[in-house]
Structures are given as structure tokens and as C-alpha cells.
N, C-alpha and C. Protein backbone atom coordinates (compact mmCIF):
# COMPACT_ATOMS: atom_id res chain seq x y z
N MET A 1 171.88 72.10 65.24
CA MET A 1 171.34 72.80 66.39
C MET A 1 171.29 74.30 66.11
N PRO A 2 170.17 74.97 66.38
CA PRO A 2 170.06 76.40 66.08
C PRO A 2 170.94 77.23 67.00
N THR A 3 171.26 78.44 66.52
CA THR A 3 172.03 79.37 67.34
C THR A 3 171.15 79.89 68.47
N ILE A 4 171.64 79.81 69.70
CA ILE A 4 170.90 80.30 70.86
C ILE A 4 171.49 81.63 71.26
N ARG A 5 170.68 82.68 71.16
CA ARG A 5 171.18 84.04 71.37
C ARG A 5 170.71 84.63 72.70
N ASN A 6 170.21 83.82 73.61
CA ASN A 6 169.79 84.33 74.90
C ASN A 6 169.90 83.25 75.95
N ARG A 7 169.70 83.62 77.21
CA ARG A 7 169.80 82.67 78.32
C ARG A 7 168.49 81.96 78.59
N PHE A 8 167.43 82.43 77.96
CA PHE A 8 166.11 81.87 78.23
C PHE A 8 165.85 80.58 77.46
N TYR A 9 165.35 79.57 78.15
CA TYR A 9 164.67 78.46 77.48
C TYR A 9 163.37 79.05 76.95
N PRO A 10 162.93 78.67 75.74
CA PRO A 10 161.78 79.36 75.12
C PRO A 10 160.44 79.11 75.80
N LEU A 11 160.34 79.56 77.05
CA LEU A 11 159.08 79.53 77.77
C LEU A 11 159.09 80.69 78.77
N ARG A 12 158.09 81.56 78.69
CA ARG A 12 158.01 82.64 79.67
C ARG A 12 156.60 83.20 79.68
N ASP A 13 156.21 83.72 80.82
CA ASP A 13 154.90 84.33 80.99
C ASP A 13 155.11 85.58 81.83
N VAL A 14 155.04 86.74 81.20
CA VAL A 14 155.28 88.00 81.89
C VAL A 14 154.30 89.05 81.39
N SER A 15 153.72 89.80 82.31
CA SER A 15 152.77 90.85 81.96
C SER A 15 153.49 92.12 81.52
N GLU A 16 152.85 92.88 80.62
CA GLU A 16 153.43 94.16 80.21
C GLU A 16 153.51 95.12 81.39
N HIS A 17 152.67 94.92 82.39
CA HIS A 17 152.68 95.79 83.57
C HIS A 17 153.86 95.48 84.50
N ASP A 18 154.56 94.37 84.23
CA ASP A 18 155.71 93.99 85.04
C ASP A 18 157.01 94.17 84.26
N GLN A 19 157.03 95.16 83.37
CA GLN A 19 158.22 95.43 82.58
C GLN A 19 158.62 96.90 82.70
N LEU A 20 159.93 97.15 82.74
CA LEU A 20 160.47 98.51 82.76
C LEU A 20 161.02 98.82 81.36
N PRO A 21 160.57 99.89 80.71
CA PRO A 21 161.00 100.20 79.34
C PRO A 21 162.05 101.31 79.24
N PHE A 22 162.60 101.77 80.37
CA PHE A 22 163.33 103.03 80.37
C PHE A 22 164.83 102.93 80.15
N TYR A 23 165.42 101.74 80.17
CA TYR A 23 166.87 101.62 80.31
C TYR A 23 167.54 100.90 79.13
N SER A 24 168.78 101.30 78.88
CA SER A 24 169.62 100.59 77.91
C SER A 24 170.81 100.00 78.64
N LEU A 25 171.38 98.92 78.10
CA LEU A 25 172.51 98.25 78.73
C LEU A 25 173.76 99.12 78.61
N ASP A 26 174.57 99.15 79.67
CA ASP A 26 175.74 100.05 79.67
C ASP A 26 176.95 99.45 78.99
N VAL A 27 176.79 98.29 78.35
CA VAL A 27 177.86 97.68 77.56
C VAL A 27 177.31 97.37 76.17
N ASN A 28 178.19 97.05 75.23
CA ASN A 28 177.76 96.87 73.84
C ASN A 28 176.97 95.60 73.59
N SER A 29 177.11 94.63 74.48
CA SER A 29 176.40 93.37 74.23
C SER A 29 176.06 92.67 75.54
N GLY A 30 175.00 91.89 75.49
CA GLY A 30 174.56 91.11 76.64
C GLY A 30 173.39 90.25 76.23
N LEU A 31 173.37 89.00 76.65
CA LEU A 31 172.31 88.08 76.27
C LEU A 31 171.05 88.32 77.08
N ALA A 32 169.89 88.15 76.45
CA ALA A 32 168.63 88.24 77.16
C ALA A 32 168.63 87.24 78.32
N GLY A 33 168.06 87.66 79.44
CA GLY A 33 168.04 86.79 80.61
C GLY A 33 169.06 87.17 81.65
N GLN A 34 169.76 88.29 81.45
CA GLN A 34 170.69 88.78 82.46
C GLN A 34 169.93 89.48 83.58
N LEU A 35 170.30 89.21 84.81
CA LEU A 35 169.77 89.94 85.95
C LEU A 35 170.52 91.28 86.02
N VAL A 36 169.78 92.37 86.05
CA VAL A 36 170.42 93.68 85.94
C VAL A 36 170.03 94.60 87.09
N LYS A 37 170.83 95.66 87.26
CA LYS A 37 170.57 96.70 88.25
C LYS A 37 170.68 98.06 87.56
N ILE A 38 170.12 99.09 88.18
CA ILE A 38 170.17 100.43 87.61
C ILE A 38 171.52 101.06 87.93
N VAL A 39 172.14 101.65 86.92
CA VAL A 39 173.40 102.36 87.11
C VAL A 39 173.08 103.75 87.66
N THR A 40 173.70 104.10 88.77
CA THR A 40 173.40 105.38 89.41
C THR A 40 174.62 106.30 89.40
N GLY A 41 174.43 107.54 89.84
CA GLY A 41 175.53 108.48 89.93
C GLY A 41 175.84 109.15 88.60
N ALA A 42 177.06 109.64 88.48
CA ALA A 42 177.47 110.41 87.30
C ALA A 42 177.40 109.59 86.02
N ALA A 43 177.50 108.26 86.14
CA ALA A 43 177.45 107.40 84.95
C ALA A 43 176.04 107.28 84.41
N ASN A 44 175.05 107.77 85.13
CA ASN A 44 173.67 107.69 84.69
C ASN A 44 173.07 109.10 84.70
N PRO A 45 173.44 109.95 83.73
CA PRO A 45 173.07 111.37 83.77
C PRO A 45 171.57 111.59 83.65
N GLN A 46 171.09 112.64 84.28
CA GLN A 46 169.68 112.98 84.19
C GLN A 46 169.39 113.85 82.97
N ASN A 47 170.43 114.32 82.27
CA ASN A 47 170.25 115.09 81.05
C ASN A 47 170.14 114.12 79.88
N PHE A 48 168.93 113.68 79.59
CA PHE A 48 168.73 112.64 78.59
C PHE A 48 168.68 113.24 77.19
N ASP A 49 169.81 113.76 76.71
CA ASP A 49 169.81 114.35 75.37
C ASP A 49 169.76 113.29 74.29
N GLY A 50 170.12 112.06 74.64
CA GLY A 50 169.97 110.96 73.71
C GLY A 50 171.13 110.71 72.78
N TRP A 51 172.13 111.63 72.74
CA TRP A 51 173.20 111.44 71.76
C TRP A 51 174.42 110.77 72.39
N SER A 52 174.94 109.78 71.69
CA SER A 52 176.14 109.08 72.12
C SER A 52 177.38 109.88 71.69
N THR A 53 178.53 109.48 72.17
CA THR A 53 179.79 110.11 71.74
C THR A 53 180.44 109.31 70.62
N SER A 54 179.80 108.24 70.19
CA SER A 54 180.34 107.43 69.09
C SER A 54 179.53 107.65 67.83
N SER A 55 180.15 107.46 66.69
CA SER A 55 179.48 107.70 65.42
C SER A 55 178.72 106.46 64.96
N VAL A 56 177.79 106.70 64.05
CA VAL A 56 177.00 105.59 63.50
C VAL A 56 177.88 104.64 62.70
N GLY A 57 178.73 105.20 61.88
CA GLY A 57 179.58 104.38 61.03
C GLY A 57 180.98 104.92 60.95
N THR A 58 181.50 105.05 59.74
CA THR A 58 182.87 105.53 59.53
C THR A 58 182.99 107.01 59.86
N ASN A 59 184.08 107.38 60.55
CA ASN A 59 184.34 108.79 60.83
C ASN A 59 184.90 109.47 59.57
N ILE A 60 184.23 110.51 59.12
CA ILE A 60 184.65 111.24 57.92
C ILE A 60 184.88 112.70 58.30
N ALA A 61 185.95 113.28 57.84
CA ALA A 61 186.30 114.66 58.17
C ALA A 61 185.15 115.61 57.87
N ASN A 62 184.90 116.52 58.82
CA ASN A 62 183.88 117.56 58.68
C ASN A 62 182.46 117.01 58.58
N THR A 63 182.28 115.77 59.00
CA THR A 63 180.95 115.15 59.00
C THR A 63 180.66 114.57 60.38
N VAL A 64 179.50 114.87 60.93
CA VAL A 64 179.12 114.36 62.24
C VAL A 64 177.85 113.54 62.10
N SER A 65 177.90 112.30 62.57
CA SER A 65 176.73 111.44 62.53
C SER A 65 176.75 110.55 63.78
N TYR A 66 176.37 111.15 64.90
CA TYR A 66 176.41 110.43 66.16
C TYR A 66 175.26 109.43 66.29
N ARG A 67 175.52 108.41 67.09
CA ARG A 67 174.49 107.42 67.36
C ARG A 67 173.56 107.95 68.44
N TYR A 68 172.32 107.50 68.39
CA TYR A 68 171.33 107.87 69.40
C TYR A 68 171.22 106.71 70.38
N GLU A 69 171.13 107.00 71.67
CA GLU A 69 171.05 105.94 72.66
C GLU A 69 170.21 106.35 73.86
N GLY A 70 169.72 105.36 74.58
CA GLY A 70 169.05 105.62 75.84
C GLY A 70 170.08 105.91 76.91
N LYS A 71 169.98 107.07 77.55
CA LYS A 71 171.00 107.48 78.51
C LYS A 71 170.83 106.87 79.89
N ALA A 72 169.62 106.47 80.26
CA ALA A 72 169.40 105.80 81.54
C ALA A 72 169.89 104.36 81.40
N LYS A 73 170.83 103.96 82.25
CA LYS A 73 171.54 102.70 82.02
C LYS A 73 171.26 101.64 83.09
N ILE A 74 171.36 100.39 82.66
CA ILE A 74 171.36 99.23 83.54
C ILE A 74 172.64 98.44 83.31
N ALA A 75 173.02 97.65 84.31
CA ALA A 75 174.23 96.85 84.20
C ALA A 75 173.97 95.49 84.85
N PRO A 76 174.67 94.44 84.42
CA PRO A 76 174.51 93.13 85.05
C PRO A 76 174.88 93.19 86.53
N THR A 77 174.17 92.42 87.36
CA THR A 77 174.50 92.35 88.78
C THR A 77 175.88 91.72 88.96
N VAL A 78 176.53 92.09 90.05
CA VAL A 78 177.88 91.60 90.35
C VAL A 78 177.87 90.96 91.74
N SER A 79 178.99 90.35 92.08
CA SER A 79 179.12 89.72 93.39
C SER A 79 178.86 90.73 94.50
N GLY A 80 178.02 90.35 95.46
CA GLY A 80 177.71 91.22 96.57
C GLY A 80 176.41 91.99 96.41
N ASP A 81 175.85 92.04 95.19
CA ASP A 81 174.56 92.71 94.98
C ASP A 81 173.44 91.92 95.63
N THR A 82 172.37 92.60 96.03
CA THR A 82 171.23 91.97 96.68
C THR A 82 169.97 92.17 95.85
N ARG A 83 168.84 91.68 96.35
CA ARG A 83 167.57 91.86 95.68
C ARG A 83 167.19 93.34 95.60
N TYR A 84 167.77 94.15 96.48
CA TYR A 84 167.46 95.58 96.47
C TYR A 84 168.22 96.29 95.35
N ASP A 85 169.30 95.69 94.87
CA ASP A 85 170.01 96.22 93.71
C ASP A 85 169.34 95.75 92.41
N ALA A 86 168.97 94.49 92.35
CA ALA A 86 168.42 93.90 91.12
C ALA A 86 167.03 94.45 90.83
N VAL A 87 166.79 94.77 89.55
CA VAL A 87 165.46 95.25 89.14
C VAL A 87 164.75 94.24 88.25
N GLY A 88 165.46 93.28 87.66
CA GLY A 88 164.80 92.29 86.83
C GLY A 88 165.71 91.69 85.78
N LEU A 89 165.09 90.97 84.85
CA LEU A 89 165.79 90.27 83.78
C LEU A 89 165.56 90.97 82.44
N THR A 90 166.62 91.11 81.66
CA THR A 90 166.47 91.66 80.31
C THR A 90 165.71 90.68 79.44
N LEU A 91 164.75 91.19 78.66
CA LEU A 91 163.91 90.32 77.83
C LEU A 91 164.43 90.15 76.41
N TYR A 92 165.34 91.04 76.00
CA TYR A 92 165.96 90.94 74.68
C TYR A 92 167.47 91.02 74.84
N SER A 93 168.18 90.43 73.90
CA SER A 93 169.64 90.55 73.90
C SER A 93 170.03 91.92 73.35
N THR A 94 171.15 92.46 73.81
CA THR A 94 171.72 93.69 73.27
C THR A 94 172.95 93.29 72.47
N LEU A 95 172.95 93.57 71.16
CA LEU A 95 174.01 93.09 70.29
C LEU A 95 174.42 94.16 69.29
N GLU A 96 175.69 94.13 68.90
CA GLU A 96 176.19 94.98 67.82
C GLU A 96 176.06 94.26 66.49
N THR A 97 176.31 92.96 66.48
CA THR A 97 176.27 92.17 65.25
C THR A 97 175.57 90.84 65.52
N ASP A 98 175.13 90.18 64.44
CA ASP A 98 174.59 88.83 64.60
C ASP A 98 175.72 87.82 64.47
N GLU A 99 175.39 86.55 64.43
CA GLU A 99 176.43 85.51 64.40
C GLU A 99 177.24 85.50 63.12
N ASN A 100 176.76 86.22 62.10
CA ASN A 100 177.51 86.33 60.84
C ASN A 100 178.23 87.67 60.71
N SER A 101 178.35 88.39 61.85
CA SER A 101 179.02 89.70 61.90
C SER A 101 178.29 90.78 61.12
N LEU A 102 177.00 90.61 60.90
CA LEU A 102 176.20 91.62 60.23
C LEU A 102 175.90 92.74 61.22
N PRO A 103 176.28 94.00 60.91
CA PRO A 103 176.04 95.11 61.84
C PRO A 103 174.54 95.39 61.98
N LEU A 104 174.00 95.14 63.17
CA LEU A 104 172.56 95.25 63.36
C LEU A 104 172.07 96.70 63.32
N ARG A 105 172.95 97.68 63.52
CA ARG A 105 172.50 99.08 63.46
C ARG A 105 172.08 99.46 62.05
N TYR A 106 172.55 98.71 61.06
CA TYR A 106 172.15 98.97 59.68
C TYR A 106 170.99 98.07 59.24
N PHE A 107 170.70 97.05 60.06
CA PHE A 107 169.66 96.07 59.70
C PHE A 107 168.74 95.83 60.89
N PRO A 108 167.90 96.81 61.24
CA PRO A 108 167.01 96.66 62.39
C PRO A 108 166.04 95.50 62.26
N GLY A 109 165.67 95.16 61.03
CA GLY A 109 164.79 94.02 60.83
C GLY A 109 165.43 92.72 61.28
N ARG A 110 166.73 92.59 61.04
CA ARG A 110 167.46 91.40 61.48
C ARG A 110 167.51 91.34 63.01
N ALA A 111 167.68 92.49 63.64
CA ALA A 111 167.71 92.53 65.11
C ALA A 111 166.39 92.02 65.68
N LYS A 112 165.28 92.48 65.13
CA LYS A 112 163.98 92.02 65.60
C LYS A 112 163.80 90.53 65.36
N GLU A 113 164.31 90.07 64.23
CA GLU A 113 164.17 88.66 63.87
C GLU A 113 164.84 87.74 64.88
N ILE A 114 165.97 88.17 65.45
CA ILE A 114 166.71 87.31 66.37
C ILE A 114 166.46 87.69 67.84
N GLY A 115 165.47 88.56 68.08
CA GLY A 115 165.12 88.91 69.45
C GLY A 115 166.16 89.77 70.14
N ALA A 116 166.63 90.80 69.45
CA ALA A 116 167.68 91.65 70.00
C ALA A 116 167.37 93.12 69.77
N VAL A 117 168.02 93.97 70.55
CA VAL A 117 168.04 95.40 70.29
C VAL A 117 169.48 95.78 70.00
N VAL A 118 169.65 96.87 69.26
CA VAL A 118 170.99 97.34 68.93
C VAL A 118 171.59 98.02 70.16
N SER A 119 172.89 97.91 70.31
CA SER A 119 173.59 98.54 71.43
C SER A 119 173.17 100.00 71.57
N GLY A 120 172.82 100.41 72.79
CA GLY A 120 172.39 101.77 73.06
C GLY A 120 170.88 101.94 73.07
N GLU A 121 170.15 101.00 72.47
CA GLU A 121 168.69 101.07 72.48
C GLU A 121 168.15 100.53 73.80
N ASN A 122 166.98 101.02 74.20
CA ASN A 122 166.36 100.54 75.43
C ASN A 122 165.95 99.08 75.29
N VAL A 123 166.15 98.33 76.36
CA VAL A 123 165.77 96.93 76.40
C VAL A 123 164.77 96.73 77.53
N PRO A 124 163.62 96.09 77.27
CA PRO A 124 162.65 95.89 78.35
C PRO A 124 163.19 94.95 79.42
N VAL A 125 162.87 95.27 80.67
CA VAL A 125 163.34 94.50 81.82
C VAL A 125 162.12 93.97 82.58
N ALA A 126 162.03 92.66 82.75
CA ALA A 126 160.92 92.05 83.48
C ALA A 126 161.23 92.03 84.97
N THR A 127 160.33 92.58 85.77
CA THR A 127 160.52 92.59 87.21
C THR A 127 159.86 91.40 87.89
N LYS A 128 158.99 90.70 87.15
CA LYS A 128 158.22 89.61 87.74
C LYS A 128 157.72 88.70 86.63
N GLY A 129 157.59 87.40 86.88
CA GLY A 129 157.06 86.51 85.86
C GLY A 129 157.52 85.08 86.02
N LEU A 130 157.10 84.24 85.07
CA LEU A 130 157.48 82.83 85.00
C LEU A 130 158.43 82.65 83.82
N PHE A 131 159.58 82.01 84.05
CA PHE A 131 160.59 81.90 83.01
C PHE A 131 161.22 80.50 83.00
N GLY A 132 161.75 80.16 81.83
CA GLY A 132 162.63 79.01 81.70
C GLY A 132 164.02 79.53 81.39
N ILE A 133 165.04 78.87 81.90
CA ILE A 133 166.41 79.34 81.68
C ILE A 133 167.32 78.15 81.45
N TRP A 134 168.31 78.32 80.57
CA TRP A 134 169.27 77.26 80.32
C TRP A 134 170.16 77.06 81.54
N GLY A 135 170.44 75.80 81.85
CA GLY A 135 171.18 75.46 83.05
C GLY A 135 172.58 76.03 83.13
N GLN A 136 173.23 76.28 81.99
CA GLN A 136 174.60 76.78 82.03
C GLN A 136 174.67 78.21 82.55
N TYR A 137 173.51 78.89 82.65
CA TYR A 137 173.49 80.25 83.17
C TYR A 137 172.97 80.31 84.61
N VAL A 138 173.05 79.18 85.30
CA VAL A 138 172.65 79.13 86.71
C VAL A 138 173.82 78.63 87.54
N ASP A 139 174.14 79.34 88.60
CA ASP A 139 175.20 78.95 89.52
C ASP A 139 174.60 78.01 90.56
N ALA A 140 174.95 76.73 90.46
CA ALA A 140 174.39 75.72 91.37
C ALA A 140 175.45 75.20 92.35
N THR A 141 176.49 75.99 92.59
CA THR A 141 177.58 75.52 93.47
C THR A 141 177.16 75.43 94.93
N LEU A 142 176.15 76.22 95.35
CA LEU A 142 175.72 76.20 96.75
C LEU A 142 174.28 75.73 96.92
N GLY A 143 173.73 75.07 95.89
CA GLY A 143 172.37 74.56 95.99
C GLY A 143 171.88 74.01 94.67
N GLY A 144 171.02 73.02 94.72
CA GLY A 144 170.51 72.38 93.52
C GLY A 144 169.36 73.14 92.90
N ILE A 145 169.19 72.97 91.59
CA ILE A 145 168.07 73.57 90.86
C ILE A 145 166.89 72.61 90.98
N GLN A 146 165.98 72.90 91.91
CA GLN A 146 164.86 72.00 92.16
C GLN A 146 163.77 72.74 92.94
N PRO A 147 162.52 72.26 92.85
CA PRO A 147 161.43 72.90 93.57
C PRO A 147 161.73 72.97 95.07
N GLY A 148 161.39 74.10 95.67
CA GLY A 148 161.65 74.30 97.08
C GLY A 148 162.89 75.11 97.35
N ASN A 149 163.80 75.13 96.37
CA ASN A 149 165.00 75.95 96.51
C ASN A 149 164.75 77.35 95.96
N LEU A 150 165.59 78.28 96.37
CA LEU A 150 165.38 79.68 96.03
C LEU A 150 166.28 80.14 94.88
N VAL A 151 165.80 81.15 94.15
CA VAL A 151 166.60 81.83 93.13
C VAL A 151 167.22 83.05 93.80
N VAL A 152 168.53 83.17 93.73
CA VAL A 152 169.23 84.28 94.38
C VAL A 152 170.18 84.96 93.41
N VAL A 153 170.58 86.18 93.75
CA VAL A 153 171.57 86.93 92.96
C VAL A 153 172.91 86.23 93.13
N SER A 154 173.47 85.72 92.06
CA SER A 154 174.68 84.92 92.16
C SER A 154 175.90 85.75 92.55
N ARG A 155 176.73 85.16 93.37
CA ARG A 155 177.99 85.78 93.74
C ARG A 155 178.96 85.79 92.57
N SER A 156 178.71 84.98 91.55
CA SER A 156 179.63 84.88 90.42
C SER A 156 179.52 86.07 89.48
N GLY A 157 178.53 86.95 89.67
CA GLY A 157 178.41 88.15 88.86
C GLY A 157 177.87 87.89 87.47
N ASP A 158 178.04 88.85 86.55
CA ASP A 158 177.61 88.78 85.16
C ASP A 158 176.10 88.57 85.03
N GLY A 159 175.33 89.02 86.03
CA GLY A 159 173.88 88.91 85.94
C GLY A 159 173.37 87.49 85.99
N ILE A 160 174.15 86.58 86.57
CA ILE A 160 173.76 85.17 86.62
C ILE A 160 172.91 84.90 87.86
N LEU A 161 171.96 83.98 87.73
CA LEU A 161 171.14 83.55 88.86
C LEU A 161 171.81 82.37 89.54
N ALA A 162 171.49 82.16 90.82
CA ALA A 162 172.03 81.03 91.57
C ALA A 162 170.89 80.31 92.27
N ALA A 163 171.16 79.07 92.67
CA ALA A 163 170.19 78.26 93.42
C ALA A 163 170.74 77.98 94.81
N VAL A 164 169.84 78.01 95.81
CA VAL A 164 170.26 77.72 97.18
C VAL A 164 169.10 77.09 97.93
N ASP A 165 169.40 76.17 98.82
CA ASP A 165 168.42 75.51 99.67
C ASP A 165 168.19 76.38 100.91
N PRO A 166 166.96 76.90 101.11
CA PRO A 166 166.74 77.79 102.25
C PRO A 166 166.89 77.11 103.60
N ALA A 167 166.83 75.77 103.60
CA ALA A 167 166.98 75.03 104.86
C ALA A 167 168.41 74.51 105.04
N GLY A 168 169.28 74.80 104.08
CA GLY A 168 170.63 74.27 104.12
C GLY A 168 171.62 75.19 104.80
N ALA A 169 172.83 74.70 104.93
CA ALA A 169 173.90 75.43 105.62
C ALA A 169 174.41 76.62 104.82
N ASN A 170 174.08 76.69 103.53
CA ASN A 170 174.58 77.78 102.68
C ASN A 170 173.64 78.99 102.67
N PHE A 171 172.59 78.96 103.51
CA PHE A 171 171.63 80.05 103.53
C PHE A 171 171.44 80.54 104.96
N ARG A 172 172.37 81.36 105.39
CA ARG A 172 172.25 81.92 106.73
C ARG A 172 172.92 83.28 106.85
N GLY A 173 173.57 83.73 105.81
CA GLY A 173 174.13 85.07 105.80
C GLY A 173 175.55 85.13 106.32
N GLY A 174 176.24 86.19 105.90
CA GLY A 174 177.60 86.40 106.37
C GLY A 174 178.59 85.42 105.77
N SER A 175 179.55 85.02 106.55
CA SER A 175 180.55 84.05 106.11
C SER A 175 180.92 83.18 107.30
N PHE A 176 181.55 82.06 107.02
CA PHE A 176 181.96 81.18 108.11
C PHE A 176 183.32 80.58 107.78
N THR A 177 184.02 80.15 108.78
CA THR A 177 185.33 79.55 108.57
C THR A 177 185.18 78.15 108.00
N THR A 178 185.88 77.89 106.92
CA THR A 178 185.82 76.58 106.30
C THR A 178 186.49 75.55 107.19
N PRO A 179 185.77 74.49 107.56
CA PRO A 179 186.35 73.47 108.45
C PRO A 179 187.63 72.88 107.89
N GLY A 180 188.66 72.82 108.71
CA GLY A 180 189.89 72.18 108.32
C GLY A 180 190.82 73.02 107.48
N VAL A 181 190.41 74.27 107.15
CA VAL A 181 191.25 75.13 106.32
C VAL A 181 191.52 76.42 107.09
N THR A 182 192.75 76.61 107.53
CA THR A 182 193.10 77.77 108.34
C THR A 182 192.92 79.09 107.59
N GLY A 183 192.14 79.98 108.17
CA GLY A 183 191.97 81.31 107.60
C GLY A 183 191.05 81.39 106.39
N ALA A 184 190.51 80.26 105.94
CA ALA A 184 189.65 80.27 104.75
C ALA A 184 188.20 80.50 105.16
N THR A 185 187.48 81.28 104.38
CA THR A 185 186.06 81.52 104.65
C THR A 185 185.23 81.21 103.42
N SER A 186 183.98 80.90 103.65
CA SER A 186 183.04 80.65 102.57
C SER A 186 181.94 81.69 102.62
N TRP A 187 181.47 82.09 101.45
CA TRP A 187 180.46 83.13 101.33
C TRP A 187 179.08 82.48 101.28
N LEU A 188 178.11 83.03 102.01
CA LEU A 188 176.78 82.45 102.08
C LEU A 188 175.72 83.42 101.57
N TYR A 189 174.56 82.86 101.21
CA TYR A 189 173.42 83.67 100.81
C TYR A 189 172.50 83.90 102.01
N ASP A 190 171.68 84.97 101.91
CA ASP A 190 170.69 85.24 102.95
C ASP A 190 169.44 85.80 102.28
N PRO A 191 168.36 86.10 103.05
CA PRO A 191 167.11 86.54 102.43
C PRO A 191 167.23 87.80 101.57
N THR A 192 168.25 88.63 101.79
CA THR A 192 168.38 89.83 100.97
C THR A 192 168.81 89.53 99.55
N HIS A 193 169.21 88.29 99.26
CA HIS A 193 169.64 87.92 97.91
C HIS A 193 168.53 87.25 97.10
N VAL A 194 167.39 86.96 97.72
CA VAL A 194 166.34 86.16 97.07
C VAL A 194 165.56 86.97 96.05
N VAL A 195 165.48 86.46 94.81
CA VAL A 195 164.70 87.11 93.75
C VAL A 195 163.66 86.17 93.13
N GLY A 196 163.45 84.99 93.74
CA GLY A 196 162.46 84.08 93.20
C GLY A 196 162.61 82.69 93.75
N LYS A 197 161.90 81.74 93.12
CA LYS A 197 161.97 80.33 93.55
C LYS A 197 161.93 79.41 92.34
N TRP A 198 162.62 78.30 92.45
CA TRP A 198 162.64 77.30 91.39
C TRP A 198 161.38 76.46 91.48
N ILE A 199 160.76 76.15 90.35
CA ILE A 199 159.54 75.35 90.34
C ILE A 199 159.72 74.06 89.53
N ALA A 200 160.93 73.79 89.05
CA ALA A 200 161.21 72.55 88.32
C ALA A 200 162.69 72.24 88.39
N SER A 201 163.02 70.96 88.30
CA SER A 201 164.41 70.53 88.26
C SER A 201 164.90 70.50 86.82
N LEU A 202 166.21 70.33 86.64
CA LEU A 202 166.77 70.19 85.30
C LEU A 202 166.36 68.83 84.74
N PRO A 203 165.62 68.79 83.62
CA PRO A 203 165.24 67.50 83.04
C PRO A 203 166.40 66.87 82.29
N VAL A 204 166.24 65.61 81.98
CA VAL A 204 167.25 64.87 81.24
C VAL A 204 166.75 64.64 79.82
N ALA A 205 167.62 64.83 78.84
CA ALA A 205 167.23 64.60 77.45
C ALA A 205 166.87 63.14 77.24
N THR A 206 165.81 62.90 76.46
CA THR A 206 165.33 61.54 76.26
C THR A 206 165.48 61.04 74.84
N ASN A 207 165.97 61.89 73.93
CA ASN A 207 166.17 61.41 72.57
C ASN A 207 167.39 62.10 71.96
N THR A 208 167.86 61.54 70.87
CA THR A 208 169.08 62.05 70.23
C THR A 208 168.92 63.48 69.75
N GLY A 209 167.73 63.83 69.28
CA GLY A 209 167.51 65.18 68.77
C GLY A 209 167.73 66.25 69.80
N LEU A 210 167.34 65.97 71.04
CA LEU A 210 167.51 66.96 72.10
C LEU A 210 168.85 66.85 72.80
N GLN A 211 169.51 65.71 72.67
CA GLN A 211 170.71 65.47 73.46
C GLN A 211 171.79 66.52 73.25
N ASN A 212 172.07 66.86 71.99
CA ASN A 212 173.13 67.84 71.72
C ASN A 212 172.78 69.20 72.29
N GLU A 213 171.52 69.61 72.16
CA GLU A 213 171.09 70.90 72.67
C GLU A 213 171.17 70.92 74.19
N PHE A 214 170.73 69.84 74.83
CA PHE A 214 170.77 69.78 76.28
C PHE A 214 172.21 69.78 76.78
N SER A 215 173.07 69.07 76.09
CA SER A 215 174.46 69.01 76.52
C SER A 215 175.13 70.38 76.41
N ALA A 216 174.86 71.09 75.31
CA ALA A 216 175.49 72.39 75.09
C ALA A 216 175.00 73.45 76.06
N GLU A 217 173.72 73.39 76.42
CA GLU A 217 173.13 74.45 77.24
C GLU A 217 172.89 74.04 78.69
N GLY A 218 173.23 72.80 79.05
CA GLY A 218 173.10 72.39 80.45
C GLY A 218 171.68 72.11 80.89
N GLY A 219 170.79 71.68 79.95
CA GLY A 219 169.41 71.46 80.31
C GLY A 219 168.70 72.79 80.56
N TYR A 220 167.48 72.72 81.10
CA TYR A 220 166.78 73.96 81.38
C TYR A 220 165.97 73.81 82.68
N ALA A 221 165.66 74.94 83.28
CA ALA A 221 164.89 74.94 84.52
C ALA A 221 163.84 76.03 84.48
N LEU A 222 162.77 75.87 85.25
CA LEU A 222 161.72 76.85 85.33
C LEU A 222 161.75 77.53 86.70
N PHE A 223 161.46 78.83 86.72
CA PHE A 223 161.47 79.55 87.98
C PHE A 223 160.50 80.72 87.95
N LEU A 224 160.08 81.14 89.12
CA LEU A 224 159.27 82.33 89.29
C LEU A 224 160.17 83.46 89.75
N LEU A 225 160.12 84.60 89.05
CA LEU A 225 160.91 85.77 89.38
C LEU A 225 160.06 86.80 90.10
N ASN A 226 160.63 87.43 91.12
CA ASN A 226 159.96 88.54 91.78
C ASN A 226 161.00 89.53 92.29
N CYS A 227 161.24 90.61 91.52
CA CYS A 227 162.18 91.63 91.91
C CYS A 227 161.50 92.90 92.39
N THR A 228 160.19 92.80 92.66
CA THR A 228 159.47 93.97 93.15
C THR A 228 159.81 94.21 94.61
N ALA A 229 159.71 95.45 95.05
CA ALA A 229 160.09 95.81 96.42
C ALA A 229 159.14 95.17 97.43
């Protein structure tokens, strides 16, 4: 089974006009397909000088070789974020090394080969489009992955998407007391969390060749993304 370096099932349709090219991930690594938001405040300086505080390689006395990076930052969505926080999905992974620990900052060709950008480099963010995603990166605890259900910003954080039935009890906003459990509450989704809709259910593997891949990645699902205002 090949190494899977992103959250996307290899199917997507996105226009160049629906991509943001301005931001780099605020951490050293992250798989393509993360739902992200713009980092604001002092952590996202407007003085885009481009220089990092870390060196390219080994620190040597009386020698300065700083890394260059995109200063405008994005970060994975977290619990409590809404569609107004989310700006879209990262289209490339952000990585320091490949699966063989090869430093990608020294081998940009390898980074392109595996669909990644080096830490600190800008990563395109899709605000709208058609995508496939591996099931293990979808939170289905409050709704099934199936047509008619909505794609929402997951409460589990880490830029994960979630599924919810808009006609179900888990889609009404706020919180409610869990029946039979004193003082316990459950968290619900509402329209402010919606970033798209599911257009396919998780398929079942039909042959041995696909079985291992499907088992490892939780199958795949198709959805329409819309993070535009």
C-alpha cells in the first residue's frame, strides 16, 4: 500500500479563482486537507519581512543563514470555531521531512513530488470546490457521512470536518442536558458551523487490493465545500 501523505482521496475539482495563495501554516507540519483559519493579532504581523528566526541548517559561529517564510499565517480550526473562522482546506501538505526523514528544505524537488511544501512556505487554500476525503479524517459521532447531511467544522479540532443531519436532534445549536445524566451536557452544531454538504456515502471495498487501503484510511467520501462569505 502506498504512503498516503494527505487527507484527500485522490479526487478534487477546484478553480484557481477559489484558492488563497497568501498564507503559510503556523506549525511545522500538517497534512493536506486540513480546514484552516487565519491567524490574527500579534502572531500574524503586518511587517512581512519574510525572515524566520530559525536557521536553514546547522548553527555555525559568526555565520547567519536564516530561513525565509511566509509571515501571514493560517492554523487548523479548533473546537468552537465556525464557518466565519474557517477560510478553506489546505491543498498541499506542509512537511519538514518525507517518510524517509529526508529534509525537504534541501530537496525541493522531492517536496513537489509528494505534493508538499516545506515548512514556512505558502500553501494554497481552497475556499470552494468538490473533494474526496478519507473517512478517518471525518468526525461522524453526531451524524452519518451520506447525501443530505452537512459538512461542519468539527468540535474535535485539528482542522477536521464533521458530518451532521440537518433534520436531526444534533443540529439545533447551543447545548442540552443529556437525558438521565445529572449535570451532563452535549454540544450541538448549528448553521454557523456549516461549510458544505456530503454528496456520497462511504463505499465498501469490493476486492482484496482495495481492502487494506480502505481499512487503514476508513473508506472515502465526497463532499462540496463552500467557505465563502
